[in-house]
C-alpha cells in the first residue's frame, strides 16, 4: 500500500485561518470548513506519535473464529434468529 504524505500542522493552521477569513469576507459557509480543519490537527498529531506498527503491537491482529458443527444445536450465538417454543 502506498504511503500518503500528510499535511504539516502549519499548513492546517493556515488553511483553517484562511477558511475563517473567507467566511468573514465572502460566505459564512466557510466557518464549518475551518472548524473541521482545526479538528484534524489532534488526529494527525496522534497518528504521528503512535504509528500503525506500534498500535498493532498494542492490540494485535483480529482473529476470526468459526463455529464448529460439533457444538450443541441448542446453543445460541450472537445475531442468530431463535425459534420460540410453544410450551404455554
N, C-alpha and C. Protein backbone atom coordinates (compact mmCIF):
# COMPACT_ATOMS: atom_id res chain seq x y z
N UNK A 1 0.84 -1.17 0.00
CA UNK A 1 0.00 0.00 0.00
C UNK A 1 0.89 1.24 0.00
N UNK A 2 0.52 2.21 -0.79
CA UNK A 2 1.32 3.42 -0.93
C UNK A 2 1.10 4.35 0.26
N UNK A 3 2.20 4.91 0.77
CA UNK A 3 2.11 5.86 1.89
C UNK A 3 1.60 7.21 1.38
N UNK A 4 0.78 7.85 2.19
CA UNK A 4 0.23 9.16 1.86
C UNK A 4 0.98 10.21 2.67
N UNK A 5 1.40 11.28 2.02
CA UNK A 5 2.09 12.36 2.72
C UNK A 5 1.04 13.26 3.36
N UNK A 6 1.05 13.32 4.69
CA UNK A 6 0.08 14.13 5.42
C UNK A 6 0.54 15.58 5.47
N UNK A 7 -0.40 16.53 5.51
CA UNK A 7 -0.01 17.93 5.59
C UNK A 7 0.58 18.25 6.97
N UNK A 8 1.44 19.25 7.00
CA UNK A 8 2.03 19.64 8.28
C UNK A 8 1.01 20.44 9.09
N UNK A 9 1.30 20.59 10.37
CA UNK A 9 0.40 21.33 11.26
C UNK A 9 0.32 22.80 10.83
N UNK A 10 1.41 23.35 10.34
CA UNK A 10 1.41 24.75 9.89
C UNK A 10 0.45 24.96 8.73
N UNK A 11 0.46 24.02 7.78
CA UNK A 11 -0.45 24.13 6.63
C UNK A 11 -1.90 24.05 7.09
N UNK A 12 -2.18 23.17 8.06
CA UNK A 12 -3.55 23.05 8.56
C UNK A 12 -3.99 24.33 9.29
N UNK A 13 -3.12 24.90 10.09
CA UNK A 13 -3.47 26.13 10.81
C UNK A 13 -3.72 27.26 9.82
N UNK A 14 -2.85 27.41 8.82
CA UNK A 14 -3.05 28.46 7.83
C UNK A 14 -4.31 28.22 7.00
N UNK A 15 -4.59 26.96 6.68
CA UNK A 15 -5.81 26.64 5.95
C UNK A 15 -7.06 26.95 6.75
N UNK A 16 -7.03 26.63 8.05
CA UNK A 16 -8.17 26.95 8.91
C UNK A 16 -8.38 28.45 9.05
N UNK A 17 -7.28 29.18 9.24
CA UNK A 17 -7.39 30.65 9.33
C UNK A 17 -7.88 31.24 8.01
N UNK A 18 -7.40 30.66 6.89
CA UNK A 18 -7.87 31.13 5.58
C UNK A 18 -9.35 30.87 5.40
N UNK A 19 -9.85 29.75 5.90
CA UNK A 19 -11.28 29.46 5.80
C UNK A 19 -12.09 30.45 6.62
N UNK A 20 -11.62 30.79 7.83
CA UNK A 20 -12.33 31.79 8.65
C UNK A 20 -12.29 33.16 7.99
N UNK A 21 -11.17 33.49 7.34
CA UNK A 21 -11.06 34.76 6.64
C UNK A 21 -12.06 34.81 5.47
N UNK A 22 -12.14 33.71 4.72
CA UNK A 22 -13.12 33.66 3.63
C UNK A 22 -14.55 33.72 4.15
N UNK A 23 -14.81 33.15 5.32
CA UNK A 23 -16.15 33.22 5.91
C UNK A 23 -16.50 34.66 6.25
N UNK A 24 -15.51 35.41 6.69
CA UNK A 24 -15.76 36.81 7.04
C UNK A 24 -15.97 37.66 5.79
N UNK A 25 -15.18 37.39 4.74
CA UNK A 25 -15.22 38.19 3.53
C UNK A 25 -16.36 37.78 2.61
N UNK A 26 -16.45 36.48 2.28
CA UNK A 26 -17.33 36.04 1.20
C UNK A 26 -18.61 35.36 1.68
N UNK A 27 -18.47 34.26 2.42
CA UNK A 27 -19.64 33.44 2.72
C UNK A 27 -19.45 32.77 4.08
N UNK A 28 -20.45 32.87 4.96
CA UNK A 28 -20.32 32.23 6.28
C UNK A 28 -20.25 30.71 6.23
N UNK A 29 -20.50 30.11 5.08
CA UNK A 29 -20.41 28.66 4.94
C UNK A 29 -19.00 28.12 5.11
N UNK A 30 -17.99 28.99 5.07
CA UNK A 30 -16.62 28.55 5.27
C UNK A 30 -16.28 28.32 6.74
N UNK A 31 -17.11 28.77 7.67
CA UNK A 31 -16.85 28.55 9.10
C UNK A 31 -16.76 27.06 9.45
N UNK A 32 -17.73 26.22 9.03
CA UNK A 32 -17.59 24.79 9.36
C UNK A 32 -16.35 24.14 8.74
N UNK A 33 -15.92 24.64 7.57
CA UNK A 33 -14.72 24.10 6.95
C UNK A 33 -13.50 24.41 7.82
N UNK A 34 -13.43 25.63 8.32
CA UNK A 34 -12.32 25.99 9.22
C UNK A 34 -12.32 25.16 10.49
N UNK A 35 -13.51 24.92 11.04
CA UNK A 35 -13.61 24.10 12.26
C UNK A 35 -13.16 22.68 11.98
N UNK A 36 -13.58 22.12 10.84
CA UNK A 36 -13.16 20.75 10.50
C UNK A 36 -11.65 20.65 10.29
N UNK A 37 -11.06 21.68 9.70
CA UNK A 37 -9.61 21.67 9.51
C UNK A 37 -8.90 21.70 10.87
N UNK A 38 -9.39 22.53 11.80
CA UNK A 38 -8.75 22.59 13.12
C UNK A 38 -8.96 21.30 13.91
N UNK A 39 -10.08 20.60 13.69
CA UNK A 39 -10.31 19.35 14.39
C UNK A 39 -9.43 18.21 13.84
N UNK A 40 -8.86 18.38 12.67
CA UNK A 40 -7.95 17.37 12.12
C UNK A 40 -6.58 17.39 12.81
N UNK A 41 -6.20 18.51 13.40
CA UNK A 41 -4.85 18.66 13.96
C UNK A 41 -4.58 17.63 15.07
N UNK A 42 -5.47 17.43 16.07
CA UNK A 42 -5.16 16.42 17.09
C UNK A 42 -5.08 15.01 16.53
N UNK A 43 -5.89 14.70 15.51
CA UNK A 43 -5.86 13.38 14.91
C UNK A 43 -4.51 13.13 14.24
N UNK A 44 -4.00 14.12 13.51
CA UNK A 44 -2.72 13.95 12.84
C UNK A 44 -1.57 13.89 13.83
N UNK A 45 -1.67 14.62 14.94
CA UNK A 45 -0.63 14.54 15.97
C UNK A 45 -0.63 13.15 16.61
N UNK A 46 -1.81 12.59 16.85
CA UNK A 46 -1.90 11.23 17.40
C UNK A 46 -1.29 10.22 16.43
N UNK A 47 -1.58 10.37 15.14
CA UNK A 47 -1.01 9.46 14.13
C UNK A 47 0.51 9.58 14.09
N UNK A 48 1.03 10.79 14.31
CA UNK A 48 2.48 10.98 14.28
C UNK A 48 3.13 10.34 15.52
N UNK A 49 2.49 10.45 16.68
CA UNK A 49 3.06 9.92 17.92
C UNK A 49 2.95 8.40 18.00
N UNK A 50 1.86 7.83 17.49
CA UNK A 50 1.63 6.39 17.56
C UNK A 50 1.42 5.84 16.14
N UNK A 51 2.50 5.46 15.46
CA UNK A 51 2.35 4.91 14.12
C UNK A 51 1.62 3.56 14.13
N UNK A 52 1.19 3.10 12.96
CA UNK A 52 0.41 1.87 12.86
C UNK A 52 1.12 0.65 13.45
N UNK A 53 2.42 0.54 13.24
CA UNK A 53 3.13 -0.63 13.74
C UNK A 53 3.09 -0.70 15.26
N UNK A 54 3.13 0.46 15.91
CA UNK A 54 3.07 0.49 17.37
C UNK A 54 1.68 0.10 17.86
N UNK A 55 0.64 0.55 17.17
CA UNK A 55 -0.72 0.20 17.57
C UNK A 55 -0.99 -1.29 17.35
N UNK A 56 -0.43 -1.87 16.29
CA UNK A 56 -0.60 -3.30 16.05
C UNK A 56 0.03 -4.11 17.17
N UNK A 57 1.15 -3.64 17.71
CA UNK A 57 1.78 -4.35 18.82
C UNK A 57 0.92 -4.28 20.08
N UNK A 58 0.24 -3.14 20.28
CA UNK A 58 -0.60 -2.98 21.48
C UNK A 58 -1.85 -3.85 21.42
N UNK A 59 -2.53 -3.85 20.27
CA UNK A 59 -3.82 -4.52 20.16
C UNK A 59 -3.73 -5.90 19.53
N UNK A 60 -2.80 -6.11 18.63
CA UNK A 60 -2.68 -7.40 17.96
C UNK A 60 -3.70 -7.53 16.84
N UNK A 61 -3.48 -8.47 15.94
CA UNK A 61 -4.41 -8.63 14.82
C UNK A 61 -5.72 -9.26 15.27
N UNK A 62 -6.76 -9.00 14.53
CA UNK A 62 -8.06 -9.59 14.83
C UNK A 62 -8.05 -11.06 14.44
N UNK A 63 -8.74 -11.88 15.22
CA UNK A 63 -8.78 -13.31 14.94
C UNK A 63 -10.19 -13.69 14.53
N UNK A 64 -10.29 -14.52 13.52
CA UNK A 64 -11.58 -14.99 13.04
C UNK A 64 -11.89 -16.30 13.72
N UNK A 65 -13.05 -16.39 14.35
CA UNK A 65 -13.47 -17.63 14.99
C UNK A 65 -14.63 -18.20 14.20
N UNK A 66 -14.59 -19.49 13.96
CA UNK A 66 -15.63 -20.17 13.20
C UNK A 66 -16.30 -21.17 14.13
N UNK A 67 -17.64 -21.16 14.13
CA UNK A 67 -18.38 -22.11 14.96
C UNK A 67 -18.20 -23.51 14.38
N UNK A 68 -17.87 -24.46 15.24
CA UNK A 68 -17.72 -25.83 14.76
C UNK A 68 -19.09 -26.50 14.74
N UNK A 69 -19.24 -27.52 13.90
CA UNK A 69 -20.51 -28.21 13.76
C UNK A 69 -20.75 -29.17 14.91
N UNK A 70 -19.75 -29.40 15.74
CA UNK A 70 -19.91 -30.35 16.85
C UNK A 70 -20.59 -29.72 18.05
N UNK A 71 -20.83 -28.41 18.01
CA UNK A 71 -21.49 -27.75 19.14
C UNK A 71 -22.94 -28.19 19.22
N UNK A 72 -23.50 -28.08 20.40
CA UNK A 72 -24.90 -28.43 20.60
C UNK A 72 -25.78 -27.52 19.77
N UNK A 73 -26.84 -28.05 19.17
CA UNK A 73 -27.72 -27.26 18.32
C UNK A 73 -28.54 -26.26 19.12
N UNK A 74 -28.66 -26.45 20.43
CA UNK A 74 -29.46 -25.54 21.26
C UNK A 74 -28.67 -24.31 21.69
N UNK A 75 -27.40 -24.26 21.38
CA UNK A 75 -26.57 -23.12 21.74
C UNK A 75 -26.89 -21.96 20.81
N UNK A 76 -27.12 -20.80 21.38
CA UNK A 76 -27.46 -19.61 20.60
C UNK A 76 -26.24 -18.70 20.55
N UNK A 77 -25.88 -18.28 19.34
CA UNK A 77 -24.77 -17.34 19.19
C UNK A 77 -25.34 -15.95 18.92
N UNK A 78 -24.52 -14.93 19.08
CA UNK A 78 -24.97 -13.55 18.89
C UNK A 78 -25.39 -13.33 17.45
N UNK A 79 -26.53 -12.70 17.25
CA UNK A 79 -27.01 -12.38 15.92
C UNK A 79 -27.80 -13.50 15.27
N UNK A 80 -28.04 -14.58 15.98
CA UNK A 80 -28.76 -15.72 15.40
C UNK A 80 -30.24 -15.61 15.73
N UNK A 81 -31.09 -15.93 14.76
CA UNK A 81 -32.53 -15.94 14.99
C UNK A 81 -32.90 -17.17 15.78
N UNK A 82 -33.80 -17.02 16.74
CA UNK A 82 -34.18 -18.11 17.62
C UNK A 82 -35.67 -18.37 17.47
N UNK A 83 -36.05 -19.66 17.32
CA UNK A 83 -37.46 -20.03 17.27
C UNK A 83 -37.96 -20.13 18.70
N UNK A 84 -39.12 -19.51 18.96
CA UNK A 84 -39.68 -19.59 20.29
C UNK A 84 -40.49 -20.88 20.40
N UNK A 85 -40.36 -21.55 21.52
CA UNK A 85 -41.11 -22.80 21.71
C UNK A 85 -42.54 -22.49 22.13
N UNK A 86 -43.46 -23.33 21.73
CA UNK A 86 -44.89 -23.12 22.02
C UNK A 86 -45.28 -23.94 23.23
N UNK A 87 -44.62 -23.75 24.35
CA UNK A 87 -44.89 -24.50 25.59
C UNK A 87 -45.72 -23.67 26.55
N UNK A 88 -46.84 -23.14 26.13
CA UNK A 88 -47.64 -22.33 27.05
C UNK A 88 -48.94 -22.99 27.40
